[in-house]
C-alpha atoms as a PDB file:
ATOM      1  CA  MET A   1       0.000   0.000   0.000  1.00  0.00           C
ATOM      2  CA  ILE A   2       2.667   2.514   1.008  1.00  0.00           C
ATOM      3  CA  MET A   3       4.836   1.454  -1.960  1.00  0.00           C
ATOM      4  CA  ARG A   4       1.944   2.097  -4.404  1.00  0.00           C
ATOM      5  CA  PHE A   5       1.383   5.468  -2.733  1.00  0.00           C
ATOM      6  CA  SER A   6       5.095   6.312  -3.096  1.00  0.00           C
ATOM      7  CA  VAL A   7       5.047   5.398  -6.790  1.00  0.00           C
ATOM      8  CA  LYS A   8       1.920   7.536  -7.344  1.00  0.00           C
ATOM      9  CA  LEU A   9       3.569  10.369  -5.442  1.00  0.00           C
ATOM     10  CA  ALA A  10       6.748  10.060  -7.505  1.00  0.00           C
ATOM     11  CA  ALA A  11       4.722  10.263 -10.722  1.00  0.00           C
ATOM     12  CA  LEU A  12       2.812  13.249  -9.364  1.00  0.00           C
ATOM     13  CA  SER A  13       6.072  14.895  -8.344  1.00  0.00           C
ATOM     14  CA  LEU A  14       7.289  14.604 -11.930  1.00  0.00           C
ATOM     15  CA  GLY A  15       3.997  16.080 -13.141  1.00  0.00           C
ATOM     16  CA  ILE A  16       4.264  19.039 -10.775  1.00  0.00           C
ATOM     17  CA  VAL A  17       7.809  19.688 -11.956  1.00  0.00           C
ATOM     18  CA  ALA A  18       6.650  19.639 -15.569  1.00  0.00           C
ATOM     19  CA  THR A  19       3.866  22.132 -14.909  1.00  0.00           C
ATOM     20  CA  THR A  20       5.905  24.442 -12.683  1.00  0.00           C
ATOM     21  CA  THR A  21       8.633  24.772 -15.281  1.00  0.00           C
ATOM     22  CA  GLN A  22       6.020  25.871 -17.825  1.00  0.00           C
ATOM     23  CA  ALA A  23       4.817  28.806 -15.730  1.00  0.00           C
ATOM     24  CA  ALA A  24       4.888  32.249 -17.272  1.00  0.00           C
ATOM     25  CA  GLY A  25       7.682  34.722 -16.658  1.00  0.00           C
ATOM     26  CA  PRO A  26       8.842  36.021 -13.276  1.00  0.00           C
ATOM     27  CA  GLN A  27       6.402  38.955 -13.344  1.00  0.00           C
ATOM     28  CA  THR A  28       3.493  36.535 -12.916  1.00  0.00           C
ATOM     29  CA  ARG A  29       4.972  34.432 -10.127  1.00  0.00           C
ATOM     30  CA  PRO A  30       3.561  34.558  -6.581  1.00  0.00           C
ATOM     31  CA  GLN A  31       5.569  36.513  -4.004  1.00  0.00           C
ATOM     32  CA  THR A  32       7.317  34.562  -1.272  1.00  0.00           C
ATOM     33  CA  VAL A  33       8.176  35.736   2.212  1.00  0.00           C
ATOM     34  CA  ALA A  34      11.532  37.508   2.511  1.00  0.00           C
ATOM     35  CA  LYS A  35      13.182  34.958   4.811  1.00  0.00           C
ATOM     36  CA  VAL A  36      12.379  31.667   6.543  1.00  0.00           C
ATOM     37  CA  ASP A  37      14.309  30.369   9.528  1.00  0.00           C
ATOM     38  CA  ILE A  38      14.350  26.711   8.474  1.00  0.00           C
ATOM     39  CA  PRO A  39      14.952  25.258  11.983  1.00  0.00           C
ATOM     40  CA  ARG A  40      11.931  27.245  13.298  1.00  0.00           C
ATOM     41  CA  TYR A  41       9.809  25.890  10.440  1.00  0.00           C
ATOM     42  CA  MET A  42      10.461  22.297  11.579  1.00  0.00           C
ATOM     43  CA  GLY A  43       7.795  20.397  13.477  1.00  0.00           C
ATOM     44  CA  THR A  44       4.192  19.407  12.811  1.00  0.00           C
ATOM     45  CA  TRP A  45       1.949  21.384  10.453  1.00  0.00           C
ATOM     46  CA  TYR A  46      -1.767  20.573  10.093  1.00  0.00           C
ATOM     47  CA  GLU A  47      -3.416  21.161   6.742  1.00  0.00           C
ATOM     48  CA  GLN A  48      -6.450  23.456   6.959  1.00  0.00           C
ATOM     49  CA  VAL A  49      -7.356  23.857   3.270  1.00  0.00           C
ATOM     50  CA  ARG A  50      -5.770  22.931  -0.047  1.00  0.00           C
ATOM     51  CA  LEU A  51      -6.352  23.123  -3.735  1.00  0.00           C
ATOM     52  CA  PRO A  52      -7.278  19.682  -5.101  1.00  0.00           C
ATOM     53  CA  MET A  53      -4.357  17.321  -5.603  1.00  0.00           C
ATOM     54  CA  ARG A  54      -4.843  13.851  -7.037  1.00  0.00           C
ATOM     55  CA  PHE A  55      -2.642  12.024  -4.532  1.00  0.00           C
ATOM     56  CA  GLN A  56      -4.660  13.548  -1.666  1.00  0.00           C
ATOM     57  CA  ASP A  57      -8.070  12.537  -3.047  1.00  0.00           C
ATOM     58  CA  ASP A  58      -8.367   9.714  -0.489  1.00  0.00           C
ATOM     59  CA  CYS A  59      -7.533  11.986   2.475  1.00  0.00           C
ATOM     60  CA  VAL A  60     -10.589  12.741   4.593  1.00  0.00           C
ATOM     61  CA  ALA A  61      -9.112  13.771   7.979  1.00  0.00           C
ATOM     62  CA  ASP A  62      -5.989  14.300  10.073  1.00  0.00           C
ATOM     63  CA  VAL A  63      -3.917  15.702   7.206  1.00  0.00           C
ATOM     64  CA  LYS A  64      -0.521  16.760   8.490  1.00  0.00           C
ATOM     65  CA  ALA A  65       3.136  17.121   7.632  1.00  0.00           C
ATOM     66  CA  GLN A  66       6.005  16.520  10.029  1.00  0.00           C
ATOM     67  CA  TYR A  67       9.224  18.355   9.170  1.00  0.00           C
ATOM     68  CA  MET A  68      12.543  17.203  10.636  1.00  0.00           C
ATOM     69  CA  LEU A  69      16.031  18.613  10.181  1.00  0.00           C
ATOM     70  CA  THR A  70      18.683  15.885  10.144  1.00  0.00           C
ATOM     71  CA  GLU A  71      22.186  16.155  11.569  1.00  0.00           C
ATOM     72  CA  LYS A  72      23.395  16.760   8.000  1.00  0.00           C
ATOM     73  CA  GLN A  73      20.968  19.738   7.739  1.00  0.00           C
ATOM     74  CA  VAL A  74      18.663  17.908   5.321  1.00  0.00           C
ATOM     75  CA  VAL A  75      14.931  18.537   5.727  1.00  0.00           C
ATOM     76  CA  LYS A  76      12.828  15.377   5.767  1.00  0.00           C
ATOM     77  CA  ILE A  77       9.029  15.459   5.618  1.00  0.00           C
ATOM     78  CA  THR A  78       6.451  12.803   6.408  1.00  0.00           C
ATOM     79  CA  ASN A  79       3.000  13.655   5.059  1.00  0.00           C
ATOM     80  CA  SER A  80       0.098  11.635   6.396  1.00  0.00           C
ATOM     81  CA  CYS A  81      -3.679  11.551   6.459  1.00  0.00           C
ATOM     82  CA  ARG A  82      -6.591   9.358   7.432  1.00  0.00           C
ATOM     83  CA  LYS A  83      -8.540   7.690   4.647  1.00  0.00           C
ATOM     84  CA  LYS A  84     -12.289   7.055   4.587  1.00  0.00           C
ATOM     85  CA  ASP A  85     -11.780   3.468   5.774  1.00  0.00           C
ATOM     86  CA  GLY A  86      -9.860   4.738   8.830  1.00  0.00           C
ATOM     87  CA  SER A  87      -6.418   3.650   7.650  1.00  0.00           C
ATOM     88  CA  ILE A  88      -3.453   6.017   7.571  1.00  0.00           C
ATOM     89  CA  MET A  89      -1.746   6.900   4.320  1.00  0.00           C
ATOM     90  CA  SER A  90       1.740   8.433   4.403  1.00  0.00           C
ATOM     91  CA  ALA A  91       4.605   9.480   2.168  1.00  0.00           C
ATOM     92  CA  ASP A  92       8.151  10.620   2.892  1.00  0.00           C
ATOM     93  CA  ALA A  93       9.941  13.436   1.117  1.00  0.00           C
ATOM     94  CA  GLU A  94      13.247  15.258   1.115  1.00  0.00           C
ATOM     95  CA  VAL A  95      13.599  19.018   0.708  1.00  0.00           C
ATOM     96  CA  LYS A  96      16.325  21.179  -0.751  1.00  0.00           C
ATOM     97  CA  LYS A  97      16.540  24.933  -0.220  1.00  0.00           C
ATOM     98  CA  VAL A  98      16.748  27.189  -3.295  1.00  0.00           C
ATOM     99  CA  GLY A  99      18.746  30.348  -2.657  1.00  0.00           C
ATOM    100  CA  HIS A 100      19.432  31.883   0.728  1.00  0.00           C
ATOM    101  CA  SER A 101      15.981  33.080   1.823  1.00  0.00           C
ATOM    102  CA  GLY A 102      14.597  29.642   2.741  1.00  0.00           C
ATOM    103  CA  SER A 103      11.229  30.605   1.244  1.00  0.00           C
ATOM    104  CA  LYS A 104      11.700  28.639  -1.988  1.00  0.00           C
ATOM    105  CA  LEU A 105      12.155  24.913  -1.593  1.00  0.00           C
ATOM    106  CA  LEU A 106      12.320  21.904  -3.883  1.00  0.00           C
ATOM    107  CA  ILE A 107      10.652  18.745  -2.633  1.00  0.00           C
ATOM    108  CA  SER A 108      11.018  15.159  -3.826  1.00  0.00           C
ATOM    109  CA  PHE A 109       8.783  12.222  -2.941  1.00  0.00           C
ATOM    110  CA  LEU A 110      10.885   9.782  -4.938  1.00  0.00           C
ATOM    111  CA  PRO A 111      12.222   6.694  -3.170  1.00  0.00           C
ATOM    112  CA  LYS A 112      15.629   7.285  -1.567  1.00  0.00           C
ATOM    113  CA  ALA A 113      17.444   5.391  -4.343  1.00  0.00           C
ATOM    114  CA  LEU A 114      16.065   7.848  -6.940  1.00  0.00           C
ATOM    115  CA  ASN A 115      16.298  11.039  -4.899  1.00  0.00           C
ATOM    116  CA  TRP A 116      19.380  12.122  -6.837  1.00  0.00           C
ATOM    117  CA  VAL A 117      17.270  12.738  -9.993  1.00  0.00           C
ATOM    118  CA  PRO A 118      17.305  16.555 -10.202  1.00  0.00           C
ATOM    119  CA  VAL A 119      14.229  16.958 -12.431  1.00  0.00           C
ATOM    120  CA  ALA A 120      11.992  15.021 -10.055  1.00  0.00           C
ATOM    121  CA  ARG A 121      11.661  17.871  -7.579  1.00  0.00           C
ATOM    122  CA  SER A 122       8.612  20.083  -7.142  1.00  0.00           C
ATOM    123  CA  SER A 123       8.626  23.727  -6.165  1.00  0.00           C
ATOM    124  CA  TYR A 124       7.255  24.503  -2.708  1.00  0.00           C
ATOM    125  CA  TRP A 125       7.125  28.224  -1.989  1.00  0.00           C
ATOM    126  CA  ILE A 126       6.332  29.771   1.391  1.00  0.00           C
ATOM    127  CA  LEU A 127       4.057  32.683   0.494  1.00  0.00           C
ATOM    128  CA  ARG A 128       2.993  33.882   3.930  1.00  0.00           C
ATOM    129  CA  LEU A 129       4.217  32.990   7.397  1.00  0.00           C
ATOM    130  CA  ASP A 130       3.284  34.671  10.654  1.00  0.00           C
ATOM    131  CA  GLU A 131       6.130  35.935  12.831  1.00  0.00           C
ATOM    132  CA  ASN A 132       5.564  33.181  15.419  1.00  0.00           C
ATOM    133  CA  TYR A 133       5.698  30.387  12.801  1.00  0.00           C
ATOM    134  CA  GLN A 134       2.175  29.215  13.661  1.00  0.00           C
ATOM    135  CA  THR A 135       0.398  29.635  10.295  1.00  0.00           C
ATOM    136  CA  ALA A 136       1.713  29.327   6.748  1.00  0.00           C
ATOM    137  CA  LEU A 137       0.496  29.684   3.190  1.00  0.00           C
ATOM    138  CA  VAL A 138       2.479  27.557   0.748  1.00  0.00           C
ATOM    139  CA  GLY A 139       2.047  26.851  -2.924  1.00  0.00           C
ATOM    140  CA  THR A 140       3.572  26.123  -6.280  1.00  0.00           C
ATOM    141  CA  PRO A 141       4.670  29.009  -8.513  1.00  0.00           C
ATOM    142  CA  ASN A 142       2.272  27.920 -11.281  1.00  0.00           C
ATOM    143  CA  ARG A 143      -0.607  28.324  -8.768  1.00  0.00           C
ATOM    144  CA  LYS A 144      -1.898  24.789  -9.384  1.00  0.00           C
ATOM    145  CA  TYR A 145      -1.340  23.639  -5.780  1.00  0.00           C
ATOM    146  CA  MET A 146      -1.735  25.564  -2.524  1.00  0.00           C
ATOM    147  CA  TRP A 147      -2.112  24.790   1.187  1.00  0.00           C
ATOM    148  CA  VAL A 148      -2.878  26.724   4.359  1.00  0.00           C
ATOM    149  CA  LEU A 149      -1.077  25.077   7.277  1.00  0.00           C
ATOM    150  CA  SER A 150      -1.278  25.612  11.022  1.00  0.00           C
ATOM    151  CA  ARG A 151       0.548  24.342  14.079  1.00  0.00           C
ATOM    152  CA  THR A 152      -2.848  23.533  15.595  1.00  0.00           C
ATOM    153  CA  PRO A 153      -5.318  20.985  14.208  1.00  0.00           C
ATOM    154  CA  LYS A 154      -8.019  23.657  13.763  1.00  0.00           C
ATOM    155  CA  LEU A 155      -7.178  27.235  12.891  1.00  0.00           C
ATOM    156  CA  ASP A 156      -9.556  29.992  13.980  1.00  0.00           C
ATOM    157  CA  GLU A 157     -11.863  31.096  11.148  1.00  0.00           C
ATOM    158  CA  ALA A 158     -10.676  34.727  10.969  1.00  0.00           C
ATOM    159  CA  THR A 159      -7.038  33.699  10.526  1.00  0.00           C
ATOM    160  CA  LEU A 160      -7.969  31.032   7.990  1.00  0.00           C
ATOM    161  CA  GLN A 161      -9.987  33.524   5.942  1.00  0.00           C
ATOM    162  CA  SER A 162      -7.104  36.006   6.057  1.00  0.00           C
ATOM    163  CA  TYR A 163      -4.709  33.409   4.614  1.00  0.00           C
ATOM    164  CA  ILE A 164      -7.260  32.366   1.972  1.00  0.00           C
ATOM    165  CA  GLU A 165      -7.574  36.035   0.997  1.00  0.00           C
ATOM    166  CA  THR A 166      -3.789  36.255   0.638  1.00  0.00           C
ATOM    167  CA  ALA A 167      -3.878  33.194  -1.633  1.00  0.00           C
ATOM    168  CA  LYS A 168      -6.591  34.836  -3.725  1.00  0.00           C
ATOM    169  CA  GLN A 169      -4.545  38.065  -3.982  1.00  0.00           C
ATOM    170  CA  GLN A 170      -1.576  35.947  -5.103  1.00  0.00           C
ATOM    171  CA  GLY A 171      -3.675  34.565  -7.979  1.00  0.00           C
ATOM    172  CA  TYR A 172      -4.722  31.150  -6.626  1.00  0.00           C
ATOM    173  CA  ASP A 173      -8.251  29.944  -7.505  1.00  0.00           C
ATOM    174  CA  VAL A 174      -9.696  29.668  -3.998  1.00  0.00           C
ATOM    175  CA  SER A 175     -13.145  28.701  -5.330  1.00  0.00           C
ATOM    176  CA  LYS A 176     -11.827  25.118  -5.582  1.00  0.00           C
ATOM    177  CA  LEU A 177     -10.542  24.808  -2.006  1.00  0.00           C
ATOM    178  CA  VAL A 178     -10.837  21.482  -0.197  1.00  0.00           C
ATOM    179  CA  HIS A 179     -11.355  21.936   3.540  1.00  0.00           C
ATOM    180  CA  SER A 180      -9.276  19.441   5.496  1.00  0.00           C
ATOM    181  CA  VAL A 181     -10.771  20.342   8.851  1.00  0.00           C
ATOM    182  CA  LYS A 182     -14.509  19.908   9.209  1.00  0.00           C
END
């Protein structure tokens, strides 16, 4: 089960890379935050809303990502969610920082043996982050994928709406949002 999920995720990762490299010029790209302190970003993030993503279609609850910084300063992520039948689905990823700001990352869900393939990485941009590192808006530069994340399982409605509004201002189609928290 997890192996099939990893293969699907690897294929999706390649698809995201293909679509993000086709995005229009820099003038149309979303704006990222100026700087991210990567060690502060580590820990558990709970998904509040997202734009539809095929590999998450089976996720119905408890959608979260756990970020860990290894001794070699490599960021590892474990994404997980609960499926309709109650089982847990998960996938592991590795992240590489692009530039010095820490707000533009490349993520790979490929199996460890294939993680060296440079074209199999997807863009993951941090578009908004509160000063206490409690709420984040992340997305892909082509605006196809977007998530609002929180350190708590359920974000208060006013904060959530504020982050959704930021996504809308950045050009994301928020009319298609999937709410992860009921």
